[in-house]
Amino acid sequence: MYAIELTPEHPVAQLADFAVEAEANGFDAVFASHHYNNRDQFMALASMAERTDDVLLGPGIANPYETHPVTLASRVATLSEMSDGRALFGVGPGDKSTIRNLGFDHENALRRVLETFKVAQRLWDGERVDHDGTFRADDAGLNYDAGEIPVYVGAQGPHMTRMAAKHADGALYNGAHPKDLAWAREQVDDMADDRVAEGKFDLAAYASVSVAEDADEARTAARPPVAFVTAGSPPPVLDRHGIDRDAASDIGDAISAGEFERAFDLVTAPMLEAFCIAGTPEDVAERVEQLREYADSVVFASPLGPDVAEAIGLLGAATDRFPAE
């Protein structure tokens, strides 16, 4: 699978245009990211569903803190109905730097994510659910049919990655560097004998990418998403790339304070190399080839490039040389 992530920093109508462009360029799926300060991801996905025919659609990711998990399951099921069964459920703990603005933290993140999609699957199967764990549900149920919806867990650390490999259909692994995907593949392979979910597991490299014919322009456009990825990366990931933990913390503090330009200015060249594919179409194609040694799928995440519509076309052409699995 080759997919793109669209960020609702753009108007919903424009996001739908981008989704149409992605479908025309042969992408298999479109994910919509979520931060409270952007437009609503599910409204954006609904608009995309009305404008496209075949491409898969889903949140990438939705977090189960600010929205009750049962409500989240219903929203995904509604998207599945609107899109004639094309929905994917991308679920994860969310970006720490923004959800803490709303009074949430990542307490019991693994359990919260696991319980969220396990309950969702029961609801989609038509069950009424009682649940008392990291959240509560009493005799909850959906009043309409949902059917099966693939679940992708947003992961980066070892515990979430291994949990996804055991219980989910796939992982949206937050990584753009072959070193990270090689590590993630080891975690997935180690869980092969413990897998309880049916079907083949899909390890997707959820890679921030910025592509343009001018490499310098691409790297400049990459600074904002790299700031968010750096701020949200667990210490072992930072250590893997030799990135100072305090520097990453400073970026997270700036984001939480709404000082975005300051956060972006704190991004260093090693951060760009570790957490983004930034450059020309040839640069992207070379990195994709390296990622596919370990990843089953590749999701090109924001910013895509200084010109999103142009970047979608460039990325479509760059991936034509590699068969999707």
Protein backbone atom coordinates (compact mmCIF):
# COMPACT_ATOMS: atom_id res chain seq x y z
CA MET A 1 0.00 0.00 0.00
CA TYR A 2 1.09 3.53 -0.80
CA ALA A 3 -0.87 6.27 0.94
CA ILE A 4 -0.71 9.94 1.84
CA GLU A 5 -1.61 11.87 4.94
CA LEU A 6 -3.44 15.17 4.58
CA THR A 7 -3.35 17.72 7.38
CA PRO A 8 -6.57 19.73 7.96
CA GLU A 9 -4.61 22.96 8.14
CA HIS A 10 -6.16 23.47 4.71
CA PRO A 11 -9.88 24.16 4.06
CA VAL A 12 -12.01 21.03 3.81
CA ALA A 13 -12.87 21.61 0.14
CA GLN A 14 -9.18 21.84 -0.69
CA LEU A 15 -8.45 18.63 1.24
CA ALA A 16 -11.09 16.87 -0.84
CA ASP A 17 -9.39 18.18 -3.99
CA PHE A 18 -6.11 16.73 -2.74
CA ALA A 19 -7.79 13.37 -2.08
CA VAL A 20 -9.13 13.32 -5.64
CA GLU A 21 -5.61 14.08 -6.87
CA ALA A 22 -4.20 11.27 -4.73
CA GLU A 23 -6.69 8.78 -6.15
CA ALA A 24 -5.87 9.90 -9.70
CA ASN A 25 -2.17 9.35 -8.98
CA GLY A 26 -2.71 5.77 -7.91
CA PHE A 27 -2.52 6.03 -4.14
CA ASP A 28 -4.32 3.29 -2.21
CA ALA A 29 -5.35 5.29 0.85
CA VAL A 30 -5.65 8.79 2.27
CA PHE A 31 -5.34 9.50 5.99
CA ALA A 32 -6.36 12.73 7.72
CA SER A 33 -4.33 13.80 10.73
CA HIS A 34 -5.77 15.29 13.90
CA HIS A 35 -4.79 18.21 16.10
CA TYR A 36 -7.46 20.18 17.90
CA ASN A 37 -6.21 23.45 16.40
CA ASN A 38 -6.81 22.26 12.84
CA ARG A 39 -10.11 21.56 11.10
CA ASP A 40 -12.06 18.47 12.10
CA GLN A 41 -10.58 15.33 10.60
CA PHE A 42 -13.86 13.41 10.29
CA MET A 43 -15.62 16.26 8.51
CA ALA A 44 -12.67 16.36 6.14
CA LEU A 45 -12.83 12.59 5.62
CA ALA A 46 -16.56 12.77 4.94
CA SER A 47 -15.94 15.33 2.22
CA MET A 48 -13.23 13.13 0.74
CA ALA A 49 -15.60 10.15 0.76
CA GLU A 50 -18.13 12.05 -1.31
CA ARG A 51 -15.52 13.06 -3.89
CA THR A 52 -13.64 9.76 -4.34
CA ASP A 53 -14.56 6.27 -5.51
CA ASP A 54 -11.89 3.72 -4.62
CA VAL A 55 -9.27 5.13 -2.27
CA LEU A 56 -9.34 3.97 1.36
CA LEU A 57 -9.95 6.68 3.96
CA GLY A 58 -9.28 7.00 7.66
CA PRO A 59 -8.02 9.06 10.58
CA GLY A 60 -4.28 9.01 10.88
CA ILE A 61 -4.56 9.02 13.74
CA ALA A 62 -7.52 9.64 16.06
CA ASN A 63 -6.75 9.74 19.77
CA PRO A 64 -9.13 8.18 22.33
CA TYR A 65 -8.66 10.78 25.05
CA GLU A 66 -10.52 13.89 23.93
CA THR A 67 -13.25 11.81 22.23
CA HIS A 68 -14.90 8.94 24.09
CA PRO A 69 -13.81 5.67 22.45
CA VAL A 70 -17.40 4.54 21.83
CA THR A 71 -18.15 7.81 20.04
CA LEU A 72 -14.94 7.40 18.09
CA ALA A 73 -16.01 3.92 17.00
CA SER A 74 -19.31 5.32 15.79
CA ARG A 75 -17.60 8.08 13.79
CA VAL A 76 -15.39 5.55 12.03
CA ALA A 77 -18.38 3.33 11.34
CA THR A 78 -20.24 6.32 9.88
CA LEU A 79 -17.27 6.99 7.61
CA SER A 80 -17.36 3.36 6.50
CA GLU A 81 -21.04 3.70 5.63
CA MET A 82 -20.49 6.97 3.72
CA SER A 83 -17.58 5.53 1.74
CA ASP A 84 -19.19 2.16 0.91
CA GLY A 85 -16.80 0.23 3.13
CA ARG A 86 -13.57 2.13 2.42
CA ALA A 87 -12.82 3.17 6.01
CA LEU A 88 -9.67 2.44 7.99
CA PHE A 89 -9.35 3.14 11.71
CA GLY A 90 -6.03 4.73 12.57
CA VAL A 91 -5.84 5.06 16.35
CA GLY A 92 -3.07 6.09 18.71
CA PRO A 93 -2.37 8.12 21.84
CA GLY A 94 -2.02 11.38 19.91
CA ASP A 95 0.51 14.18 19.87
CA LYS A 96 1.63 14.95 23.43
CA SER A 97 2.43 18.57 22.69
CA THR A 98 -1.13 19.44 21.66
CA ILE A 99 -3.38 17.17 23.73
CA ARG A 100 -1.79 18.42 26.93
CA ASN A 101 -3.24 21.83 26.02
CA LEU A 102 -6.62 20.18 26.62
CA GLY A 103 -5.70 18.74 29.99
CA PHE A 104 -4.88 15.21 28.80
CA ASP A 105 -1.71 13.21 29.15
CA HIS A 106 -0.61 9.81 27.88
CA GLU A 107 -1.51 7.93 31.06
CA ASN A 108 -2.02 4.22 30.31
CA ALA A 109 -1.57 4.96 26.59
CA LEU A 110 -1.13 1.35 25.48
CA ARG A 111 -4.13 0.08 27.41
CA ARG A 112 -6.26 3.02 26.26
CA VAL A 113 -5.50 2.37 22.60
CA LEU A 114 -5.92 -1.40 22.87
CA GLU A 115 -9.19 -1.15 24.78
CA THR A 116 -10.46 1.47 22.32
CA PHE A 117 -10.16 -0.65 19.21
CA LYS A 118 -11.14 -3.91 20.90
CA VAL A 119 -14.37 -2.27 22.08
CA ALA A 120 -14.84 -0.71 18.63
CA GLN A 121 -14.56 -4.13 16.98
CA ARG A 122 -17.23 -5.53 19.29
CA LEU A 123 -19.52 -2.58 18.53
CA TRP A 124 -18.97 -3.00 14.79
CA ASP A 125 -19.91 -6.68 15.20
CA GLY A 126 -23.28 -5.58 16.57
CA GLU A 127 -22.60 -6.36 20.23
CA ARG A 128 -23.75 -4.32 23.18
CA VAL A 129 -20.74 -3.61 25.35
CA ASP A 130 -20.06 -3.20 29.04
CA HIS A 131 -16.52 -2.01 29.70
CA ASP A 132 -14.73 -0.77 32.80
CA GLY A 133 -11.04 -0.07 32.16
CA THR A 134 -9.28 3.09 31.08
CA PHE A 135 -12.75 4.26 30.09
CA ARG A 136 -16.26 3.15 30.94
CA ALA A 137 -19.16 2.02 28.78
CA ASP A 138 -22.44 0.62 30.10
CA ASP A 139 -24.61 -1.35 27.66
CA ALA A 140 -23.26 0.69 24.74
CA GLY A 141 -24.18 -0.24 21.20
CA LEU A 142 -24.61 1.10 17.68
CA ASN A 143 -28.07 1.38 16.15
CA TYR A 144 -26.80 0.61 12.66
CA ASP A 145 -24.62 -1.98 10.92
CA ALA A 146 -20.90 -1.32 10.65
CA GLY A 147 -19.13 -4.50 9.53
CA GLU A 148 -15.39 -5.10 9.57
CA ILE A 149 -13.03 -2.14 9.52
CA PRO A 150 -9.23 -2.58 9.46
CA VAL A 151 -7.41 -1.15 12.50
CA TYR A 152 -4.01 0.53 12.26
CA VAL A 153 -2.26 1.55 15.47
CA GLY A 154 -0.14 4.67 15.51
CA ALA A 155 3.14 3.47 17.03
CA GLN A 156 6.73 4.47 17.63
CA GLY A 157 7.91 2.96 20.90
CA PRO A 158 8.51 -0.76 21.54
CA HIS A 159 5.42 -1.55 23.59
CA MET A 160 2.89 0.05 21.22
CA THR A 161 4.59 -1.50 18.19
CA ARG A 162 4.53 -4.98 19.69
CA MET A 163 0.94 -4.59 20.85
CA ALA A 164 -0.08 -3.59 17.34
CA ALA A 165 1.72 -6.59 15.87
CA LYS A 166 -0.22 -8.88 18.20
CA HIS A 167 -3.70 -7.38 18.02
CA ALA A 168 -4.17 -5.03 15.05
CA ASP A 169 -4.29 -5.24 11.27
CA GLY A 170 -1.34 -2.92 10.92
CA ALA A 171 0.79 -0.20 12.41
CA LEU A 172 1.26 3.35 11.22
CA TYR A 173 4.83 3.41 12.42
CA ASN A 174 6.03 6.97 12.95
CA GLY A 175 9.34 6.72 11.15
CA ALA A 176 11.05 8.01 8.02
CA HIS A 177 14.51 6.50 8.48
CA PRO A 178 15.52 2.93 7.52
CA LYS A 179 17.19 2.53 10.90
CA ASP A 180 13.82 3.03 12.63
CA LEU A 181 11.94 0.71 10.29
CA ALA A 182 14.57 -2.00 10.68
CA TRP A 183 14.05 -1.78 14.44
CA ALA A 184 10.26 -1.83 14.03
CA ARG A 185 10.46 -4.91 11.80
CA GLU A 186 12.39 -6.71 14.54
CA GLN A 187 9.60 -5.94 17.03
CA VAL A 188 6.95 -7.17 14.62
CA ASP A 189 8.82 -10.37 13.77
CA ASP A 190 9.39 -11.10 17.45
CA MET A 191 5.61 -11.08 17.97
CA ALA A 192 4.77 -13.42 15.08
CA ASP A 193 4.12 -16.44 17.31
CA ASP A 194 1.97 -14.38 19.71
CA ARG A 195 -0.28 -12.82 17.08
CA VAL A 196 -4.00 -13.20 17.84
CA ALA A 197 -5.47 -11.02 15.07
CA GLU A 198 -6.36 -12.71 11.80
CA GLY A 199 -4.62 -11.96 8.54
CA LYS A 200 -1.19 -10.67 7.60
CA PHE A 201 0.14 -7.74 9.59
CA ASP A 202 0.90 -4.55 7.64
CA LEU A 203 3.88 -2.56 8.91
CA ALA A 204 3.44 0.85 7.33
CA ALA A 205 6.20 3.44 7.44
CA TYR A 206 4.29 6.60 8.38
CA ALA A 207 6.98 8.90 7.07
CA SER A 208 6.98 12.67 7.05
CA VAL A 209 8.00 13.71 3.54
CA SER A 210 8.61 16.97 1.73
CA VAL A 211 9.27 16.76 -1.99
CA ALA A 212 9.94 19.45 -4.58
CA GLU A 213 12.11 19.89 -7.63
CA ASP A 214 14.16 22.31 -5.47
CA ALA A 215 15.67 20.35 -2.55
CA ASP A 216 16.21 23.45 -0.40
CA GLU A 217 12.55 24.42 -0.70
CA ALA A 218 11.58 20.89 0.28
CA ARG A 219 13.76 20.98 3.39
CA THR A 220 12.37 24.34 4.49
CA ALA A 221 8.80 23.04 4.22
CA ALA A 222 9.79 20.00 6.30
CA ARG A 223 10.66 21.93 9.45
CA PRO A 224 7.12 22.17 10.96
CA PRO A 225 6.26 18.44 10.91
CA VAL A 226 9.76 17.50 12.03
CA ALA A 227 9.28 19.76 15.04
CA PHE A 228 6.13 17.84 16.02
CA VAL A 229 7.73 14.44 15.42
CA THR A 230 10.83 15.36 17.40
CA ALA A 231 8.79 16.68 20.32
CA GLY A 232 6.68 13.51 20.42
CA SER A 233 9.46 10.95 19.98
CA PRO A 234 10.23 8.71 22.97
CA PRO A 235 13.76 8.91 24.42
CA PRO A 236 14.99 5.63 22.85
CA VAL A 237 14.14 6.98 19.38
CA LEU A 238 15.94 10.25 20.07
CA ASP A 239 18.94 8.31 21.37
CA ARG A 240 18.96 6.10 18.27
CA HIS A 241 19.60 9.18 16.16
CA GLY A 242 21.86 11.03 18.60
CA ILE A 243 19.34 13.82 19.20
CA ASP A 244 19.58 15.66 22.51
CA ARG A 245 16.55 14.97 24.71
CA ASP A 246 16.54 18.49 26.14
CA ALA A 247 16.50 19.97 22.63
CA ALA A 248 13.45 17.85 21.81
CA SER A 249 11.80 18.93 25.06
CA ASP A 250 12.39 22.58 24.22
CA ILE A 251 10.59 22.11 20.93
CA GLY A 252 7.66 20.45 22.70
CA ASP A 253 7.42 23.30 25.20
CA ALA A 254 7.37 25.85 22.38
CA ILE A 255 4.59 23.97 20.58
CA SER A 256 2.49 23.73 23.74
CA ALA A 257 2.93 27.48 24.26
CA GLY A 258 1.73 28.17 20.73
CA GLU A 259 5.17 29.50 19.77
CA PHE A 260 5.26 27.56 16.52
CA GLU A 261 7.84 29.65 14.66
CA ARG A 262 10.22 29.28 17.59
CA ALA A 263 9.63 25.53 17.61
CA PHE A 264 10.34 25.28 13.89
CA ASP A 265 13.52 27.36 14.25
CA LEU A 266 14.80 24.87 16.85
CA VAL A 267 14.76 22.02 14.30
CA THR A 268 18.30 20.93 13.44
CA ALA A 269 19.78 19.19 10.40
CA PRO A 270 20.09 15.85 12.28
CA MET A 271 16.40 16.08 13.19
CA LEU A 272 15.48 16.63 9.54
CA GLU A 273 17.57 13.64 8.49
CA ALA A 274 16.12 11.39 11.20
CA PHE A 275 12.46 12.30 10.98
CA CYS A 276 11.71 13.33 7.40
CA ILE A 277 12.37 12.48 3.78
CA ALA A 278 13.10 15.89 2.31
CA GLY A 279 14.43 16.60 -1.16
CA THR A 280 13.85 15.96 -4.83
CA PRO A 281 11.71 13.14 -6.28
CA GLU A 282 14.92 11.18 -6.81
CA ASP A 283 15.85 11.62 -3.15
CA VAL A 284 12.41 10.37 -2.09
CA ALA A 285 12.53 7.38 -4.42
CA GLU A 286 15.92 6.37 -3.03
CA ARG A 287 14.67 6.54 0.57
CA VAL A 288 11.46 4.68 -0.29
CA GLU A 289 13.54 1.87 -1.72
CA GLN A 290 15.44 1.68 1.56
CA LEU A 291 12.27 1.75 3.66
CA ARG A 292 10.66 -1.03 1.63
CA GLU A 293 13.39 -3.40 2.77
CA TYR A 294 11.56 -3.41 6.11
CA ALA A 295 8.10 -1.86 5.63
CA ASP A 296 5.14 -3.49 3.91
CA SER A 297 3.54 -0.13 3.11
CA VAL A 298 4.57 3.51 2.97
CA VAL A 299 2.41 6.47 4.02
CA PHE A 300 3.70 9.86 2.92
CA ALA A 301 2.82 12.18 5.77
CA SER A 302 2.74 15.96 6.01
CA PRO A 303 3.87 18.38 4.79
CA LEU A 304 4.22 16.46 1.46
CA GLY A 305 5.94 19.54 0.03
CA PRO A 306 5.85 23.32 -0.34
CA ASP A 307 3.09 22.83 -2.94
CA VAL A 308 0.84 19.96 -1.82
CA ALA A 309 -0.95 19.38 -5.13
CA GLU A 310 2.36 19.31 -7.02
CA ALA A 311 3.90 17.06 -4.35
CA ILE A 312 1.11 14.48 -4.72
CA GLY A 313 1.93 14.17 -8.41
CA LEU A 314 5.67 13.97 -7.76
CA LEU A 315 5.17 11.30 -5.09
CA GLY A 316 2.86 9.30 -7.34
CA ALA A 317 5.53 9.28 -10.02
CA ALA A 318 8.27 8.45 -7.51
CA THR A 319 6.44 5.34 -6.31
CA ASP A 320 5.55 4.04 -9.77
CA ARG A 321 8.91 2.25 -9.83
CA PHE A 322 8.05 0.19 -6.74
CA PRO A 323 5.19 -2.34 -6.72
CA ALA A 324 2.74 -2.07 -3.83
CA GLU A 325 2.26 -5.22 -1.74
